[in-house]
N, C-alpha and C. Protein backbone atom coordinates (compact mmCIF):
# COMPACT_ATOMS: atom_id res chain seq x y z
N ILE A 1 -32.50 0.66 32.20
CA ILE A 1 -32.46 2.04 32.68
C ILE A 1 -32.07 2.05 34.16
N TRP A 2 -32.65 1.10 34.92
CA TRP A 2 -32.35 1.04 36.36
C TRP A 2 -30.87 0.76 36.60
N MET A 3 -30.30 -0.16 35.83
CA MET A 3 -28.87 -0.47 36.00
C MET A 3 -28.01 0.74 35.65
N GLY A 4 -28.43 1.51 34.63
CA GLY A 4 -27.69 2.72 34.28
C GLY A 4 -27.74 3.75 35.38
N ILE A 5 -28.92 3.90 36.00
CA ILE A 5 -29.04 4.85 37.12
C ILE A 5 -28.18 4.40 38.29
N ARG A 6 -28.20 3.10 38.57
CA ARG A 6 -27.37 2.58 39.67
C ARG A 6 -25.88 2.80 39.40
N LEU A 7 -25.48 2.59 38.17
CA LEU A 7 -24.07 2.79 37.81
C LEU A 7 -23.72 4.27 37.87
N TRP A 8 -24.61 5.13 37.43
CA TRP A 8 -24.37 6.58 37.45
C TRP A 8 -24.16 7.07 38.88
N THR A 9 -24.93 6.54 39.83
CA THR A 9 -24.87 7.02 41.21
C THR A 9 -23.94 6.21 42.08
N ALA A 10 -23.27 5.21 41.53
CA ALA A 10 -22.40 4.34 42.32
C ALA A 10 -21.18 5.09 42.83
N VAL A 11 -20.76 4.71 44.01
CA VAL A 11 -19.53 5.25 44.58
C VAL A 11 -18.36 4.62 43.83
N PRO A 12 -17.41 5.43 43.35
CA PRO A 12 -16.29 4.84 42.60
C PRO A 12 -15.42 3.97 43.50
N VAL A 13 -15.15 2.77 43.04
CA VAL A 13 -14.34 1.82 43.79
C VAL A 13 -13.05 1.58 43.02
N VAL A 14 -11.95 1.93 43.64
CA VAL A 14 -10.63 1.68 43.04
C VAL A 14 -10.08 0.44 43.71
N PRO A 15 -9.81 -0.62 42.95
CA PRO A 15 -9.32 -1.86 43.58
C PRO A 15 -7.97 -1.65 44.23
N ASP A 16 -7.76 -2.39 45.30
CA ASP A 16 -6.46 -2.35 45.97
C ASP A 16 -5.41 -2.93 45.04
N LEU A 17 -4.28 -2.26 44.99
CA LEU A 17 -3.20 -2.75 44.13
C LEU A 17 -2.36 -3.75 44.90
N GLN A 18 -2.36 -4.98 44.42
CA GLN A 18 -1.59 -6.04 45.04
C GLN A 18 -0.32 -6.23 44.22
N PRO A 19 0.79 -6.48 44.90
CA PRO A 19 2.00 -6.76 44.13
C PRO A 19 1.81 -8.03 43.30
N VAL A 20 2.21 -7.95 42.05
CA VAL A 20 2.04 -9.06 41.14
C VAL A 20 3.29 -9.92 41.19
N SER A 21 3.10 -11.20 41.51
CA SER A 21 4.25 -12.10 41.56
C SER A 21 4.39 -12.81 40.23
N GLY A 22 5.59 -13.02 39.81
CA GLY A 22 5.84 -13.71 38.55
C GLY A 22 5.40 -12.91 37.34
N ARG A 23 5.49 -11.62 37.43
CA ARG A 23 5.06 -10.77 36.32
C ARG A 23 6.03 -10.91 35.16
N ARG A 24 5.46 -11.03 33.96
CA ARG A 24 6.29 -11.18 32.77
C ARG A 24 6.58 -9.82 32.17
N GLY A 25 7.57 -9.77 31.31
CA GLY A 25 7.95 -8.53 30.67
C GLY A 25 6.97 -8.14 29.57
N LEU A 26 7.13 -6.94 29.07
CA LEU A 26 6.25 -6.41 28.03
C LEU A 26 6.36 -7.22 26.75
N LEU A 27 7.57 -7.63 26.38
CA LEU A 27 7.76 -8.40 25.15
C LEU A 27 7.08 -9.76 25.24
N ALA A 28 7.17 -10.42 26.38
CA ALA A 28 6.52 -11.73 26.55
C ALA A 28 5.00 -11.58 26.50
N THR A 29 4.49 -10.54 27.11
CA THR A 29 3.05 -10.30 27.08
C THR A 29 2.60 -9.98 25.66
N PHE A 30 3.38 -9.18 24.94
CA PHE A 30 3.08 -8.85 23.56
C PHE A 30 3.07 -10.10 22.69
N ALA A 31 4.07 -10.97 22.87
CA ALA A 31 4.15 -12.20 22.09
C ALA A 31 2.96 -13.11 22.38
N THR A 32 2.52 -13.14 23.63
CA THR A 32 1.34 -13.93 23.98
C THR A 32 0.11 -13.41 23.25
N GLY A 33 -0.03 -12.09 23.19
CA GLY A 33 -1.15 -11.49 22.47
C GLY A 33 -1.12 -11.83 20.99
N VAL A 34 0.06 -11.77 20.39
CA VAL A 34 0.19 -12.12 18.97
C VAL A 34 -0.17 -13.58 18.75
N ALA A 35 0.34 -14.47 19.62
CA ALA A 35 0.04 -15.90 19.46
C ALA A 35 -1.46 -16.18 19.63
N LEU A 36 -2.07 -15.53 20.60
CA LEU A 36 -3.51 -15.72 20.80
C LEU A 36 -4.30 -15.24 19.60
N ASN A 37 -3.92 -14.10 19.06
CA ASN A 37 -4.65 -13.56 17.92
C ASN A 37 -4.44 -14.42 16.67
N LEU A 38 -3.25 -14.89 16.46
CA LEU A 38 -2.99 -15.73 15.29
C LEU A 38 -3.60 -17.12 15.46
N GLY A 39 -3.77 -17.57 16.69
CA GLY A 39 -4.39 -18.87 16.94
C GLY A 39 -5.90 -18.82 16.96
N ASN A 40 -6.47 -17.64 16.84
CA ASN A 40 -7.91 -17.48 16.83
C ASN A 40 -8.45 -18.07 15.53
N PRO A 41 -9.34 -19.04 15.57
CA PRO A 41 -9.80 -19.67 14.32
C PRO A 41 -10.62 -18.73 13.44
N LYS A 42 -11.15 -17.65 13.99
CA LYS A 42 -11.92 -16.74 13.15
C LYS A 42 -11.04 -16.05 12.13
N MET A 43 -9.83 -15.69 12.51
CA MET A 43 -8.96 -14.96 11.59
C MET A 43 -8.57 -15.81 10.38
N PRO A 44 -8.05 -17.03 10.56
CA PRO A 44 -7.73 -17.82 9.36
C PRO A 44 -8.96 -18.11 8.50
N LEU A 45 -10.09 -18.38 9.12
CA LEU A 45 -11.30 -18.62 8.34
C LEU A 45 -11.71 -17.39 7.55
N PHE A 46 -11.54 -16.22 8.16
CA PHE A 46 -11.85 -14.97 7.46
C PHE A 46 -10.95 -14.81 6.24
N TYR A 47 -9.66 -15.09 6.40
CA TYR A 47 -8.73 -14.95 5.28
C TYR A 47 -8.99 -15.99 4.21
N VAL A 48 -9.33 -17.21 4.60
CA VAL A 48 -9.61 -18.25 3.61
C VAL A 48 -10.86 -17.89 2.81
N ALA A 49 -11.83 -17.29 3.47
CA ALA A 49 -13.05 -16.92 2.77
C ALA A 49 -12.87 -15.65 1.94
N LEU A 50 -12.04 -14.72 2.40
CA LEU A 50 -11.92 -13.43 1.74
C LEU A 50 -10.85 -13.39 0.65
N LEU A 51 -9.70 -13.95 0.92
CA LEU A 51 -8.57 -13.79 0.00
C LEU A 51 -8.83 -14.29 -1.42
N PRO A 52 -9.44 -15.45 -1.63
CA PRO A 52 -9.64 -15.88 -3.02
C PRO A 52 -10.48 -14.88 -3.83
N ASN A 53 -11.39 -14.19 -3.18
CA ASN A 53 -12.21 -13.21 -3.90
C ASN A 53 -11.45 -11.92 -4.19
N VAL A 54 -10.44 -11.63 -3.39
CA VAL A 54 -9.71 -10.36 -3.54
C VAL A 54 -8.47 -10.52 -4.42
N VAL A 55 -7.67 -11.54 -4.15
CA VAL A 55 -6.40 -11.68 -4.86
C VAL A 55 -6.46 -12.66 -6.03
N GLY A 56 -7.51 -13.42 -6.15
CA GLY A 56 -7.60 -14.38 -7.24
C GLY A 56 -6.93 -15.69 -6.89
N ALA A 57 -7.06 -16.64 -7.77
CA ALA A 57 -6.53 -17.99 -7.52
C ALA A 57 -5.06 -18.11 -7.89
N SER A 58 -4.50 -17.14 -8.60
CA SER A 58 -3.12 -17.26 -9.10
C SER A 58 -2.13 -16.53 -8.19
N LEU A 59 -2.20 -16.75 -6.89
CA LEU A 59 -1.29 -16.10 -5.95
C LEU A 59 0.01 -16.90 -5.88
N ALA A 60 1.09 -16.27 -6.28
CA ALA A 60 2.40 -16.93 -6.28
C ALA A 60 2.90 -17.08 -4.85
N PRO A 61 3.77 -18.07 -4.60
CA PRO A 61 4.29 -18.27 -3.25
C PRO A 61 5.02 -17.03 -2.70
N GLY A 62 5.73 -16.32 -3.54
CA GLY A 62 6.40 -15.10 -3.09
C GLY A 62 5.42 -14.04 -2.65
N HIS A 63 4.36 -13.88 -3.42
CA HIS A 63 3.34 -12.92 -3.05
C HIS A 63 2.59 -13.35 -1.79
N LEU A 64 2.43 -14.66 -1.61
CA LEU A 64 1.79 -15.17 -0.41
C LEU A 64 2.64 -14.84 0.82
N GLY A 65 3.96 -14.96 0.69
CA GLY A 65 4.86 -14.61 1.79
C GLY A 65 4.78 -13.13 2.12
N VAL A 66 4.75 -12.29 1.09
CA VAL A 66 4.63 -10.84 1.32
C VAL A 66 3.30 -10.53 2.01
N LEU A 67 2.25 -11.16 1.54
CA LEU A 67 0.93 -10.95 2.14
C LEU A 67 0.92 -11.39 3.61
N ALA A 68 1.54 -12.52 3.90
CA ALA A 68 1.63 -13.00 5.29
C ALA A 68 2.40 -12.02 6.16
N MET A 69 3.49 -11.45 5.62
CA MET A 69 4.27 -10.48 6.39
C MET A 69 3.47 -9.21 6.65
N VAL A 70 2.71 -8.76 5.66
CA VAL A 70 1.88 -7.57 5.85
C VAL A 70 0.84 -7.83 6.94
N ILE A 71 0.23 -9.01 6.90
CA ILE A 71 -0.76 -9.36 7.92
C ILE A 71 -0.12 -9.38 9.30
N LEU A 72 1.08 -9.95 9.43
CA LEU A 72 1.78 -9.99 10.72
C LEU A 72 2.14 -8.60 11.21
N VAL A 73 2.57 -7.72 10.31
CA VAL A 73 2.91 -6.36 10.72
C VAL A 73 1.66 -5.62 11.19
N VAL A 74 0.57 -5.78 10.47
CA VAL A 74 -0.68 -5.14 10.88
C VAL A 74 -1.11 -5.66 12.25
N GLU A 75 -1.04 -6.96 12.45
CA GLU A 75 -1.40 -7.54 13.75
C GLU A 75 -0.49 -7.01 14.85
N ALA A 76 0.81 -6.88 14.58
CA ALA A 76 1.73 -6.37 15.59
C ALA A 76 1.39 -4.93 15.96
N VAL A 77 1.06 -4.12 14.98
CA VAL A 77 0.71 -2.73 15.26
C VAL A 77 -0.59 -2.66 16.04
N VAL A 78 -1.57 -3.45 15.66
CA VAL A 78 -2.87 -3.42 16.35
C VAL A 78 -2.71 -3.91 17.79
N ILE A 79 -2.05 -5.04 17.98
CA ILE A 79 -1.87 -5.56 19.33
C ILE A 79 -1.00 -4.62 20.16
N GLY A 80 0.04 -4.05 19.54
CA GLY A 80 0.86 -3.08 20.27
C GLY A 80 0.04 -1.89 20.71
N GLY A 81 -0.86 -1.42 19.86
CA GLY A 81 -1.75 -0.33 20.25
C GLY A 81 -2.64 -0.70 21.41
N HIS A 82 -3.15 -1.93 21.39
CA HIS A 82 -3.98 -2.39 22.51
C HIS A 82 -3.19 -2.44 23.80
N VAL A 83 -1.95 -2.90 23.73
CA VAL A 83 -1.11 -2.98 24.93
C VAL A 83 -0.85 -1.57 25.47
N LEU A 84 -0.53 -0.63 24.60
CA LEU A 84 -0.28 0.74 25.06
C LEU A 84 -1.53 1.37 25.65
N LEU A 85 -2.68 1.18 25.01
CA LEU A 85 -3.92 1.72 25.55
C LEU A 85 -4.29 1.08 26.88
N ALA A 86 -4.06 -0.21 27.02
CA ALA A 86 -4.37 -0.88 28.28
C ALA A 86 -3.47 -0.36 29.40
N GLY A 87 -2.21 -0.10 29.09
CA GLY A 87 -1.30 0.46 30.10
C GLY A 87 -1.74 1.85 30.54
N ARG A 88 -2.16 2.67 29.59
CA ARG A 88 -2.67 4.01 29.94
C ARG A 88 -3.94 3.92 30.76
N ALA A 89 -4.86 3.03 30.35
CA ALA A 89 -6.12 2.88 31.06
C ALA A 89 -5.88 2.37 32.48
N ARG A 90 -4.94 1.48 32.63
CA ARG A 90 -4.63 0.96 33.97
C ARG A 90 -4.15 2.07 34.88
N GLY A 91 -3.32 2.94 34.35
CA GLY A 91 -2.84 4.07 35.15
C GLY A 91 -3.95 5.05 35.47
N LEU A 92 -4.82 5.31 34.49
CA LEU A 92 -5.91 6.28 34.71
C LEU A 92 -6.97 5.76 35.67
N LEU A 93 -7.24 4.46 35.64
CA LEU A 93 -8.30 3.91 36.47
C LEU A 93 -7.88 3.70 37.92
N ARG A 94 -6.78 4.27 38.31
CA ARG A 94 -6.34 4.19 39.71
C ARG A 94 -6.83 5.38 40.53
N THR A 95 -7.54 6.30 39.91
CA THR A 95 -8.04 7.47 40.64
C THR A 95 -9.56 7.43 40.68
N PRO A 96 -10.15 7.76 41.84
CA PRO A 96 -11.60 7.73 41.97
C PRO A 96 -12.32 8.67 41.00
N ALA A 97 -11.73 9.80 40.67
CA ALA A 97 -12.38 10.75 39.76
C ALA A 97 -12.56 10.14 38.37
N VAL A 98 -11.56 9.44 37.89
CA VAL A 98 -11.66 8.81 36.57
C VAL A 98 -12.65 7.66 36.61
N VAL A 99 -12.63 6.87 37.68
CA VAL A 99 -13.58 5.76 37.81
C VAL A 99 -15.00 6.31 37.84
N ARG A 100 -15.22 7.43 38.53
CA ARG A 100 -16.55 8.05 38.55
C ARG A 100 -16.98 8.47 37.14
N ARG A 101 -16.06 9.07 36.38
CA ARG A 101 -16.40 9.48 35.00
C ARG A 101 -16.73 8.27 34.13
N VAL A 102 -15.97 7.21 34.27
CA VAL A 102 -16.24 6.00 33.50
C VAL A 102 -17.59 5.41 33.89
N ASN A 103 -17.88 5.37 35.19
CA ASN A 103 -19.18 4.89 35.66
C ASN A 103 -20.31 5.73 35.08
N ARG A 104 -20.13 7.02 35.07
CA ARG A 104 -21.19 7.90 34.56
C ARG A 104 -21.34 7.77 33.05
N ALA A 105 -20.26 7.61 32.34
CA ALA A 105 -20.36 7.42 30.89
C ALA A 105 -21.06 6.11 30.57
N ALA A 106 -20.67 5.03 31.26
CA ALA A 106 -21.30 3.73 31.03
C ALA A 106 -22.76 3.76 31.48
N GLY A 107 -23.03 4.39 32.61
CA GLY A 107 -24.41 4.51 33.08
C GLY A 107 -25.25 5.32 32.12
N GLY A 108 -24.71 6.39 31.59
CA GLY A 108 -25.43 7.20 30.62
C GLY A 108 -25.74 6.42 29.35
N ALA A 109 -24.77 5.61 28.91
CA ALA A 109 -25.00 4.78 27.73
C ALA A 109 -26.09 3.76 27.99
N MET A 110 -26.10 3.16 29.18
CA MET A 110 -27.13 2.19 29.52
C MET A 110 -28.50 2.85 29.62
N ILE A 111 -28.55 4.04 30.20
CA ILE A 111 -29.82 4.76 30.29
C ILE A 111 -30.31 5.12 28.89
N GLY A 112 -29.41 5.61 28.05
CA GLY A 112 -29.77 5.95 26.68
C GLY A 112 -30.28 4.75 25.90
N ALA A 113 -29.61 3.60 26.06
CA ALA A 113 -30.05 2.40 25.37
C ALA A 113 -31.41 1.95 25.87
N GLY A 114 -31.61 2.05 27.18
CA GLY A 114 -32.91 1.68 27.74
C GLY A 114 -34.03 2.58 27.25
N VAL A 115 -33.76 3.88 27.20
CA VAL A 115 -34.76 4.82 26.70
C VAL A 115 -35.04 4.54 25.22
N ALA A 116 -34.02 4.23 24.46
CA ALA A 116 -34.22 3.92 23.03
C ALA A 116 -35.08 2.67 22.86
N VAL A 117 -34.85 1.66 23.69
CA VAL A 117 -35.67 0.44 23.61
C VAL A 117 -37.12 0.75 23.94
N VAL A 118 -37.32 1.52 25.02
CA VAL A 118 -38.69 1.88 25.41
C VAL A 118 -39.35 2.74 24.33
N ALA A 119 -38.60 3.65 23.72
CA ALA A 119 -39.18 4.54 22.72
C ALA A 119 -39.59 3.80 21.45
N THR A 120 -38.91 2.70 21.14
CA THR A 120 -39.24 1.96 19.91
C THR A 120 -40.42 1.02 20.08
N ARG A 121 -40.89 0.85 21.29
CA ARG A 121 -42.04 -0.06 21.52
C ARG A 121 -43.31 0.62 21.29
């Protein structure tokens, strides 16, 4: 609760914008996100555990290729959405008014969680 109150009353701090050297393009950043997500061991383990129960043991190689393409398209859409949202958030978080609102929302959530913990005891 105390941390939530401190966050609620905090002065909004907008970080200084430093020129980024060696900045990569959007496509390279997107490809990095796709590679990181596909290299995450949780995802292949999830598919290995889930797919046999859903599609059965008789999955033909052609169907496996189609399934892999569907998974890649879904990942591309999800990661693309994250990239677009991060770009919007970066632009919005450059103003003290928005930072204050975010601080107050996060502080309110922390206060609410603290009150809920105290109320359940």
